[in-house]
Amino acid sequence: MKCYVDRIEDSKFAVINVIGGGEMIIPVRQFKFKIREGMHLDVDFHPDAKSERDTLERVKKLQAQLLARSKKNK
């Protein structure tokens, strides 16, 4: 995906326009390089199955804890 940095707001957020439509706002600190207005970027997203599984496990544990707490308070 091709993008370009439209502007940097408050030296904290990069407003990135996606060529073909869309916009992303990303904290400047997330970049491993110095980002500047007008810079063109080639963006490539990859699925992260491990992170997705880990998040699902955390959610299931929290749901179980809340359900147990709810039953205890009845």
Protein backbone atom coordinates (compact mmCIF):
# COMPACT_ATOMS: atom_id res chain seq x y z
CA MET A 1 0.00 0.00 0.00
CA LYS A 2 1.38 3.38 -0.95
CA CYS A 3 0.96 6.31 1.46
CA TYR A 4 2.39 9.71 2.18
CA VAL A 5 2.75 11.80 5.32
CA ASP A 6 0.32 14.69 4.97
CA ARG A 7 1.31 16.43 8.21
CA ILE A 8 2.70 16.00 11.69
CA GLU A 9 0.40 17.34 14.42
CA ASP A 10 1.86 18.71 17.67
CA SER A 11 5.09 16.82 16.92
CA LYS A 12 3.23 13.75 18.21
CA PHE A 13 0.98 12.35 15.47
CA ALA A 14 1.63 11.60 11.81
CA VAL A 15 -1.42 12.01 9.59
CA ILE A 16 -0.85 9.59 6.73
CA ASN A 17 -2.95 9.59 3.58
CA VAL A 18 -3.40 6.30 1.75
CA ILE A 19 -3.13 6.67 -2.00
CA GLY A 20 -6.47 5.53 -3.36
CA GLY A 21 -8.39 6.59 -0.26
CA GLY A 22 -8.18 6.52 3.49
CA GLU A 23 -6.21 8.07 6.30
CA MET A 24 -4.24 6.82 9.29
CA ILE A 25 -3.16 8.75 12.36
CA ILE A 26 -0.14 7.13 13.98
CA PRO A 27 1.95 8.32 16.94
CA VAL A 28 5.35 9.52 15.70
CA ARG A 29 7.06 7.41 18.40
CA GLN A 30 5.86 4.24 16.63
CA PHE A 31 8.24 4.82 13.73
CA LYS A 32 11.76 3.40 13.86
CA PHE A 33 12.99 6.26 11.67
CA LYS A 34 12.60 10.02 11.65
CA ILE A 35 9.34 10.78 9.91
CA ARG A 36 8.69 14.05 8.09
CA GLU A 37 5.90 15.73 6.17
CA GLY A 38 5.82 14.83 2.49
CA MET A 39 7.59 11.50 3.03
CA HIS A 40 6.24 8.65 0.92
CA LEU A 41 5.80 5.27 2.57
CA ASP A 42 5.28 1.73 1.39
CA VAL A 43 3.09 0.01 3.99
CA ASP A 44 2.61 -3.74 4.30
CA PHE A 45 0.34 -5.30 6.94
CA HIS A 46 0.75 -8.87 8.15
CA PRO A 47 -1.63 -10.94 10.29
CA ASP A 48 -0.34 -11.73 13.78
CA ALA A 49 -2.07 -14.98 14.76
CA LYS A 50 -0.13 -15.36 18.02
CA SER A 51 -1.14 -11.91 19.26
CA GLU A 52 -4.73 -12.62 18.25
CA ARG A 53 -4.73 -15.94 20.17
CA ASP A 54 -3.14 -14.32 23.23
CA THR A 55 -5.76 -11.57 23.25
CA LEU A 56 -8.59 -14.08 22.91
CA GLU A 57 -7.20 -16.09 25.85
CA ARG A 58 -7.00 -12.95 28.02
CA VAL A 59 -10.58 -12.00 27.14
CA LYS A 60 -11.86 -15.50 27.95
CA LYS A 61 -10.08 -15.44 31.34
CA LEU A 62 -11.56 -12.02 32.14
CA GLN A 63 -15.02 -13.20 31.13
CA ALA A 64 -14.69 -16.25 33.40
CA GLN A 65 -13.55 -14.05 36.30
CA LEU A 66 -16.45 -11.65 35.82
CA LEU A 67 -18.94 -14.51 35.58
CA ALA A 68 -17.56 -16.09 38.75
CA ARG A 69 -17.73 -12.74 40.54
CA SER A 70 -21.29 -12.20 39.34
CA LYS A 71 -22.38 -15.63 40.63
CA LYS A 72 -20.64 -15.00 43.96
CA ASN A 73 -22.49 -11.69 44.50
CA LYS A 74 -25.96 -13.22 43.97
